[in-house]
N, C-alpha and C. Protein backbone atom coordinates (compact mmCIF):
# COMPACT_ATOMS: atom_id res chain seq x y z
N MET A 1 -11.20 -104.03 156.76
CA MET A 1 -12.23 -103.16 157.26
C MET A 1 -13.35 -104.02 157.85
N ILE A 2 -13.71 -103.74 159.07
CA ILE A 2 -14.71 -104.54 159.75
C ILE A 2 -16.13 -104.11 159.39
N ASP A 3 -16.39 -102.82 159.31
CA ASP A 3 -17.74 -102.32 159.04
C ASP A 3 -17.74 -101.35 157.86
N PRO A 4 -17.98 -101.84 156.64
CA PRO A 4 -17.94 -100.97 155.46
C PRO A 4 -19.05 -99.92 155.42
N ILE A 5 -20.19 -100.20 156.05
CA ILE A 5 -21.29 -99.22 156.05
C ILE A 5 -20.91 -98.03 156.93
N ALA A 6 -20.34 -98.30 158.10
CA ALA A 6 -19.89 -97.21 158.98
C ALA A 6 -18.80 -96.40 158.28
N ASP A 7 -17.92 -97.06 157.52
CA ASP A 7 -16.89 -96.37 156.76
C ASP A 7 -17.51 -95.44 155.73
N MET A 8 -18.54 -95.91 155.04
CA MET A 8 -19.23 -95.10 154.04
C MET A 8 -19.86 -93.86 154.69
N LEU A 9 -20.56 -94.06 155.79
CA LEU A 9 -21.22 -92.95 156.47
C LEU A 9 -20.19 -91.93 156.98
N THR A 10 -19.06 -92.41 157.47
CA THR A 10 -18.00 -91.52 157.96
C THR A 10 -17.38 -90.74 156.82
N ARG A 11 -17.17 -91.38 155.68
CA ARG A 11 -16.61 -90.67 154.52
C ARG A 11 -17.55 -89.57 154.05
N ILE A 12 -18.86 -89.85 154.03
CA ILE A 12 -19.84 -88.84 153.62
C ILE A 12 -19.86 -87.70 154.65
N ARG A 13 -19.86 -88.04 155.92
CA ARG A 13 -19.87 -87.05 157.00
C ARG A 13 -18.64 -86.14 156.92
N ASN A 14 -17.46 -86.73 156.72
CA ASN A 14 -16.22 -85.96 156.64
C ASN A 14 -16.18 -85.08 155.39
N ALA A 15 -16.63 -85.61 154.26
CA ALA A 15 -16.61 -84.84 153.02
C ALA A 15 -17.57 -83.66 153.09
N SER A 16 -18.73 -83.85 153.69
CA SER A 16 -19.67 -82.73 153.80
C SER A 16 -19.18 -81.69 154.80
N ALA A 17 -18.40 -82.10 155.79
CA ALA A 17 -17.85 -81.15 156.77
C ALA A 17 -16.85 -80.19 156.14
N VAL A 18 -16.12 -80.65 155.13
CA VAL A 18 -15.13 -79.79 154.45
C VAL A 18 -15.63 -79.32 153.09
N ARG A 19 -16.94 -79.46 152.85
CA ARG A 19 -17.62 -78.97 151.63
C ARG A 19 -17.08 -79.58 150.34
N LYS A 20 -16.75 -80.87 150.37
CA LYS A 20 -16.32 -81.56 149.14
C LYS A 20 -17.53 -81.73 148.23
N GLU A 21 -17.28 -81.77 146.94
CA GLU A 21 -18.35 -81.91 145.97
C GLU A 21 -18.80 -83.37 145.84
N GLU A 22 -17.84 -84.30 145.93
CA GLU A 22 -18.16 -85.71 145.74
C GLU A 22 -17.30 -86.60 146.62
N VAL A 23 -17.78 -87.84 146.80
CA VAL A 23 -17.07 -88.85 147.58
C VAL A 23 -16.96 -90.09 146.71
N VAL A 24 -15.77 -90.69 146.66
CA VAL A 24 -15.57 -91.93 145.93
C VAL A 24 -15.14 -92.99 146.92
N LEU A 25 -15.85 -94.13 146.91
CA LEU A 25 -15.55 -95.21 147.84
C LEU A 25 -15.73 -96.56 147.16
N PRO A 26 -15.20 -97.62 147.76
CA PRO A 26 -15.33 -98.95 147.15
C PRO A 26 -16.80 -99.35 147.00
N MET A 27 -17.10 -100.01 145.91
CA MET A 27 -18.47 -100.38 145.58
C MET A 27 -18.90 -101.66 146.29
N SER A 28 -20.13 -101.67 146.78
CA SER A 28 -20.81 -102.89 147.22
C SER A 28 -22.30 -102.66 147.02
N LYS A 29 -23.06 -103.73 146.93
CA LYS A 29 -24.49 -103.60 146.67
C LYS A 29 -25.21 -102.87 147.80
N ILE A 30 -24.84 -103.17 149.03
CA ILE A 30 -25.52 -102.55 150.17
C ILE A 30 -25.23 -101.04 150.23
N LYS A 31 -23.99 -100.64 149.93
CA LYS A 31 -23.65 -99.21 149.90
C LYS A 31 -24.39 -98.52 148.76
N TYR A 32 -24.49 -99.20 147.62
CA TYR A 32 -25.21 -98.65 146.48
C TYR A 32 -26.68 -98.44 146.82
N ASN A 33 -27.29 -99.43 147.49
CA ASN A 33 -28.70 -99.32 147.87
C ASN A 33 -28.92 -98.18 148.86
N ILE A 34 -28.02 -98.02 149.82
CA ILE A 34 -28.14 -96.91 150.78
C ILE A 34 -28.01 -95.57 150.06
N SER A 35 -27.07 -95.46 149.14
CA SER A 35 -26.88 -94.21 148.41
C SER A 35 -28.08 -93.91 147.50
N LYS A 36 -28.71 -94.92 146.94
CA LYS A 36 -29.91 -94.71 146.12
C LYS A 36 -31.07 -94.21 146.98
N ILE A 37 -31.17 -94.70 148.22
CA ILE A 37 -32.19 -94.20 149.14
C ILE A 37 -31.91 -92.74 149.48
N LEU A 38 -30.64 -92.39 149.71
CA LEU A 38 -30.27 -90.99 149.95
C LEU A 38 -30.64 -90.11 148.77
N GLU A 39 -30.47 -90.64 147.57
CA GLU A 39 -30.81 -89.89 146.35
C GLU A 39 -32.33 -89.71 146.24
N GLN A 40 -33.10 -90.75 146.52
CA GLN A 40 -34.56 -90.67 146.46
C GLN A 40 -35.10 -89.66 147.47
N GLU A 41 -34.48 -89.60 148.64
CA GLU A 41 -34.93 -88.70 149.70
C GLU A 41 -34.42 -87.27 149.51
N GLY A 42 -33.59 -87.03 148.49
CA GLY A 42 -33.11 -85.70 148.18
C GLY A 42 -31.96 -85.22 149.05
N ARG A 43 -31.21 -86.14 149.65
CA ARG A 43 -30.09 -85.76 150.52
C ARG A 43 -28.77 -85.69 149.75
N ILE A 44 -28.69 -86.34 148.59
CA ILE A 44 -27.53 -86.24 147.71
C ILE A 44 -28.02 -85.97 146.29
N VAL A 45 -27.13 -85.49 145.43
CA VAL A 45 -27.51 -85.20 144.05
C VAL A 45 -27.65 -86.49 143.26
N LYS A 46 -26.60 -87.32 143.28
CA LYS A 46 -26.68 -88.60 142.57
C LYS A 46 -25.62 -89.56 143.08
N ALA A 47 -25.87 -90.83 142.79
CA ALA A 47 -24.93 -91.90 143.11
C ALA A 47 -24.76 -92.73 141.86
N GLU A 48 -23.50 -92.99 141.48
CA GLU A 48 -23.26 -93.79 140.28
C GLU A 48 -22.07 -94.71 140.49
N VAL A 49 -22.06 -95.78 139.72
CA VAL A 49 -20.99 -96.77 139.79
C VAL A 49 -19.96 -96.44 138.73
N ILE A 50 -18.69 -96.39 139.14
CA ILE A 50 -17.58 -96.19 138.22
C ILE A 50 -16.95 -97.56 138.01
N LYS A 51 -16.99 -98.05 136.79
CA LYS A 51 -16.45 -99.38 136.49
C LYS A 51 -14.94 -99.39 136.58
N GLY A 52 -14.41 -100.46 137.14
CA GLY A 52 -12.95 -100.62 137.25
C GLY A 52 -12.36 -101.07 135.93
N ALA A 53 -11.07 -100.89 135.78
CA ALA A 53 -10.38 -101.24 134.54
C ALA A 53 -10.27 -102.75 134.36
N GLY A 54 -10.19 -103.47 135.46
CA GLY A 54 -10.11 -104.92 135.38
C GLY A 54 -8.71 -105.48 135.39
N LYS A 55 -7.68 -104.65 135.48
CA LYS A 55 -6.31 -105.14 135.55
C LYS A 55 -5.99 -105.50 136.99
N LYS A 56 -5.21 -106.57 137.17
CA LYS A 56 -4.93 -107.06 138.52
C LYS A 56 -4.13 -106.09 139.38
N ASN A 57 -3.08 -105.51 138.86
CA ASN A 57 -2.19 -104.68 139.66
C ASN A 57 -2.50 -103.20 139.56
N ASP A 58 -3.67 -102.88 139.07
CA ASP A 58 -4.08 -101.49 138.92
C ASP A 58 -4.95 -101.09 140.11
N SER A 59 -4.84 -99.85 140.55
CA SER A 59 -5.66 -99.39 141.68
C SER A 59 -7.13 -99.28 141.27
N LYS A 60 -7.40 -99.21 139.99
CA LYS A 60 -8.77 -99.13 139.49
C LYS A 60 -9.30 -100.51 139.06
N ALA A 61 -8.83 -101.56 139.67
CA ALA A 61 -9.24 -102.91 139.29
C ALA A 61 -10.66 -103.22 139.75
N PHE A 62 -11.15 -102.51 140.76
CA PHE A 62 -12.47 -102.78 141.31
C PHE A 62 -13.41 -101.62 141.03
N ASP A 63 -14.71 -101.91 141.03
CA ASP A 63 -15.70 -100.87 140.83
C ASP A 63 -15.71 -99.93 142.03
N GLU A 64 -16.05 -98.67 141.76
CA GLU A 64 -16.13 -97.67 142.81
C GLU A 64 -17.49 -97.00 142.77
N LEU A 65 -17.91 -96.48 143.90
CA LEU A 65 -19.18 -95.79 144.03
C LEU A 65 -18.89 -94.29 144.19
N LYS A 66 -19.44 -93.48 143.29
CA LYS A 66 -19.24 -92.03 143.33
C LYS A 66 -20.54 -91.38 143.80
N ILE A 67 -20.45 -90.64 144.90
CA ILE A 67 -21.61 -89.97 145.47
C ILE A 67 -21.38 -88.46 145.36
N VAL A 68 -22.30 -87.76 144.68
CA VAL A 68 -22.22 -86.31 144.55
C VAL A 68 -23.08 -85.71 145.65
N LEU A 69 -22.44 -84.95 146.54
CA LEU A 69 -23.13 -84.39 147.70
C LEU A 69 -23.97 -83.18 147.34
N LYS A 70 -25.00 -82.94 148.16
CA LYS A 70 -25.92 -81.83 147.93
C LYS A 70 -25.78 -80.83 149.07
N TYR A 71 -25.80 -79.54 148.72
CA TYR A 71 -25.70 -78.47 149.72
C TYR A 71 -26.85 -77.49 149.54
N LYS A 72 -27.24 -76.85 150.63
CA LYS A 72 -28.29 -75.83 150.60
C LYS A 72 -27.71 -74.52 150.05
N LYS A 73 -28.57 -73.54 149.82
CA LYS A 73 -28.11 -72.25 149.26
C LYS A 73 -27.14 -71.54 150.19
N ASP A 74 -27.31 -71.73 151.50
CA ASP A 74 -26.41 -71.07 152.45
C ASP A 74 -25.09 -71.82 152.64
N GLY A 75 -24.91 -72.93 151.93
CA GLY A 75 -23.66 -73.69 152.00
C GLY A 75 -23.69 -74.85 152.97
N ALA A 76 -24.75 -74.99 153.74
CA ALA A 76 -24.86 -76.10 154.69
C ALA A 76 -25.19 -77.39 153.94
N SER A 77 -24.73 -78.48 154.47
CA SER A 77 -24.98 -79.78 153.84
C SER A 77 -26.46 -80.16 153.97
N ALA A 78 -26.98 -80.88 152.99
CA ALA A 78 -28.36 -81.38 153.05
C ALA A 78 -28.50 -82.49 154.08
N ILE A 79 -27.38 -83.07 154.50
CA ILE A 79 -27.38 -84.12 155.51
C ILE A 79 -26.82 -83.51 156.80
N SER A 80 -27.66 -83.41 157.82
CA SER A 80 -27.20 -82.87 159.11
C SER A 80 -26.51 -83.93 159.94
N SER A 81 -27.06 -85.15 159.91
CA SER A 81 -26.52 -86.20 160.76
C SER A 81 -26.67 -87.56 160.09
N LEU A 82 -25.63 -88.38 160.19
CA LEU A 82 -25.63 -89.78 159.75
C LEU A 82 -25.24 -90.60 160.97
N LYS A 83 -26.08 -91.53 161.37
CA LYS A 83 -25.79 -92.31 162.56
C LYS A 83 -26.01 -93.79 162.29
N ARG A 84 -24.98 -94.60 162.52
CA ARG A 84 -25.05 -96.05 162.36
C ARG A 84 -25.77 -96.62 163.57
N ILE A 85 -26.81 -97.41 163.36
CA ILE A 85 -27.58 -97.99 164.46
C ILE A 85 -27.19 -99.44 164.69
N SER A 86 -27.39 -100.28 163.69
CA SER A 86 -27.06 -101.70 163.81
C SER A 86 -25.60 -101.91 163.44
N LYS A 87 -24.83 -102.45 164.35
CA LYS A 87 -23.39 -102.64 164.15
C LYS A 87 -23.08 -104.13 164.08
N PRO A 88 -21.90 -104.50 163.59
CA PRO A 88 -21.55 -105.92 163.56
C PRO A 88 -21.56 -106.56 164.95
N SER A 89 -21.24 -105.77 165.97
CA SER A 89 -21.21 -106.31 167.33
C SER A 89 -22.58 -106.32 168.00
N LEU A 90 -23.53 -105.51 167.50
CA LEU A 90 -24.86 -105.43 168.08
C LEU A 90 -25.87 -105.13 166.99
N ARG A 91 -26.52 -106.15 166.50
CA ARG A 91 -27.54 -105.99 165.47
C ARG A 91 -28.84 -105.53 166.11
N VAL A 92 -29.53 -104.60 165.43
CA VAL A 92 -30.78 -104.06 165.95
C VAL A 92 -31.89 -104.40 164.95
N TYR A 93 -32.82 -105.25 165.38
CA TYR A 93 -33.95 -105.65 164.56
C TYR A 93 -35.23 -105.10 165.17
N VAL A 94 -36.17 -104.71 164.31
CA VAL A 94 -37.45 -104.19 164.78
C VAL A 94 -38.58 -104.86 164.02
N SER A 95 -39.72 -104.97 164.68
CA SER A 95 -40.92 -105.49 164.02
C SER A 95 -41.64 -104.33 163.33
N LYS A 96 -42.70 -104.64 162.64
CA LYS A 96 -43.44 -103.59 161.93
C LYS A 96 -44.06 -102.58 162.89
N ASN A 97 -44.31 -102.98 164.13
CA ASN A 97 -44.91 -102.08 165.11
C ASN A 97 -43.86 -101.24 165.85
N GLU A 98 -42.58 -101.58 165.73
CA GLU A 98 -41.52 -100.90 166.45
C GLU A 98 -40.61 -100.05 165.55
N LEU A 99 -41.03 -99.77 164.32
CA LEU A 99 -40.20 -99.00 163.39
C LEU A 99 -39.89 -97.63 163.98
N PRO A 100 -38.63 -97.18 163.90
CA PRO A 100 -38.25 -95.92 164.54
C PRO A 100 -38.79 -94.69 163.83
N ARG A 101 -39.02 -93.64 164.62
CA ARG A 101 -39.35 -92.32 164.07
C ARG A 101 -38.11 -91.45 164.30
N VAL A 102 -37.58 -90.91 163.24
CA VAL A 102 -36.35 -90.13 163.32
C VAL A 102 -36.69 -88.65 163.29
N LEU A 103 -36.35 -87.94 164.35
CA LEU A 103 -36.57 -86.50 164.47
C LEU A 103 -38.02 -86.13 164.14
N ASN A 104 -38.95 -86.85 164.76
CA ASN A 104 -40.39 -86.64 164.57
C ASN A 104 -40.78 -86.68 163.09
N ASN A 105 -40.21 -87.65 162.38
CA ASN A 105 -40.44 -87.90 160.95
C ASN A 105 -39.88 -86.83 160.02
N LEU A 106 -38.97 -85.98 160.50
CA LEU A 106 -38.25 -85.07 159.61
C LEU A 106 -37.07 -85.77 158.97
N GLY A 107 -36.55 -86.78 159.63
CA GLY A 107 -35.47 -87.60 159.10
C GLY A 107 -36.03 -88.97 158.72
N PHE A 108 -35.14 -89.89 158.40
CA PHE A 108 -35.58 -91.24 158.06
C PHE A 108 -34.53 -92.24 158.49
N ALA A 109 -34.98 -93.47 158.64
CA ALA A 109 -34.09 -94.58 158.97
C ALA A 109 -34.04 -95.51 157.76
N VAL A 110 -32.88 -96.09 157.51
CA VAL A 110 -32.74 -97.08 156.44
C VAL A 110 -32.91 -98.45 157.09
N ILE A 111 -33.88 -99.20 156.56
CA ILE A 111 -34.22 -100.51 157.10
C ILE A 111 -33.90 -101.57 156.05
N SER A 112 -33.19 -102.63 156.47
CA SER A 112 -32.92 -103.76 155.60
C SER A 112 -34.00 -104.81 155.87
N THR A 113 -34.87 -105.03 154.90
CA THR A 113 -36.00 -105.94 155.06
C THR A 113 -35.85 -107.13 154.11
N PRO A 114 -36.68 -108.15 154.26
CA PRO A 114 -36.66 -109.25 153.30
C PRO A 114 -37.01 -108.82 151.87
N GLN A 115 -37.66 -107.66 151.73
CA GLN A 115 -38.02 -107.15 150.41
C GLN A 115 -37.02 -106.11 149.90
N GLY A 116 -35.89 -105.98 150.58
CA GLY A 116 -34.84 -105.06 150.14
C GLY A 116 -34.68 -103.88 151.09
N MET A 117 -33.74 -103.01 150.76
CA MET A 117 -33.48 -101.82 151.58
C MET A 117 -34.55 -100.77 151.29
N MET A 118 -35.04 -100.13 152.36
CA MET A 118 -36.05 -99.09 152.21
C MET A 118 -36.04 -98.19 153.44
N THR A 119 -36.75 -97.09 153.35
CA THR A 119 -36.85 -96.18 154.48
C THR A 119 -37.87 -96.72 155.48
N ASN A 120 -37.85 -96.16 156.69
CA ASN A 120 -38.81 -96.59 157.70
C ASN A 120 -40.24 -96.26 157.29
N LYS A 121 -40.43 -95.20 156.52
CA LYS A 121 -41.77 -94.82 156.07
C LYS A 121 -42.32 -95.84 155.07
N GLU A 122 -41.46 -96.29 154.14
CA GLU A 122 -41.89 -97.31 153.17
C GLU A 122 -42.19 -98.63 153.88
N ALA A 123 -41.34 -99.00 154.86
CA ALA A 123 -41.53 -100.24 155.59
C ALA A 123 -42.84 -100.21 156.37
N LYS A 124 -43.18 -99.05 156.91
CA LYS A 124 -44.44 -98.91 157.66
C LYS A 124 -45.64 -99.08 156.72
N LYS A 125 -45.54 -98.50 155.51
CA LYS A 125 -46.63 -98.65 154.52
C LYS A 125 -46.81 -100.10 154.12
N LYS A 126 -45.68 -100.82 153.94
CA LYS A 126 -45.73 -102.22 153.52
C LYS A 126 -46.00 -103.17 154.68
N GLY A 127 -45.86 -102.67 155.91
CA GLY A 127 -46.15 -103.48 157.09
C GLY A 127 -45.10 -104.55 157.36
N ILE A 128 -43.82 -104.20 157.17
CA ILE A 128 -42.75 -105.16 157.44
C ILE A 128 -41.68 -104.52 158.31
N GLY A 129 -40.96 -105.34 159.04
CA GLY A 129 -39.85 -104.90 159.88
C GLY A 129 -38.54 -105.39 159.30
N GLY A 130 -37.47 -105.20 160.06
CA GLY A 130 -36.16 -105.65 159.59
C GLY A 130 -35.05 -105.07 160.45
N GLU A 131 -33.86 -105.01 159.88
CA GLU A 131 -32.69 -104.49 160.60
C GLU A 131 -32.56 -102.99 160.36
N VAL A 132 -32.42 -102.22 161.43
CA VAL A 132 -32.24 -100.77 161.32
C VAL A 132 -30.77 -100.51 161.03
N VAL A 133 -30.46 -100.11 159.81
CA VAL A 133 -29.07 -99.93 159.40
C VAL A 133 -28.54 -98.58 159.91
N CYS A 134 -29.24 -97.48 159.61
CA CYS A 134 -28.76 -96.17 160.02
C CYS A 134 -29.92 -95.18 160.07
N GLU A 135 -29.67 -94.04 160.72
CA GLU A 135 -30.62 -92.94 160.77
C GLU A 135 -29.99 -91.71 160.13
N ILE A 136 -30.78 -90.99 159.34
CA ILE A 136 -30.28 -89.83 158.61
C ILE A 136 -31.27 -88.69 158.75
N TYR A 137 -30.76 -87.52 159.07
CA TYR A 137 -31.58 -86.31 159.07
C TYR A 137 -30.73 -85.10 158.78
């Protein structure tokens, strides 16, 4: 897999399109951090790590990330759009003055900064820039 973050966003997008309750995907720190930001912003119910069994030839040998999706009362997903901005072939970096506004601040962008992953609003408060990972609204 060339781009695990794009894979994660696509799995969430596909699962919410067919009204799945949860998504299970391979664990990584960056995916966990993105899912925790989604949880803080109220776009998913929760994100948790499922520990692997540790056996070599078992499919559960590695840790997995379980994301419980959130839906509105009318059945629509709490996430309308997930868009990957910075790709392996084209990295997108912004300074503190160029931080993106997503849907006139109704959505948010996930920024990878030297101080960790955060939303564009948090990065603006702290006065730091970084790599624009994705936009969510």
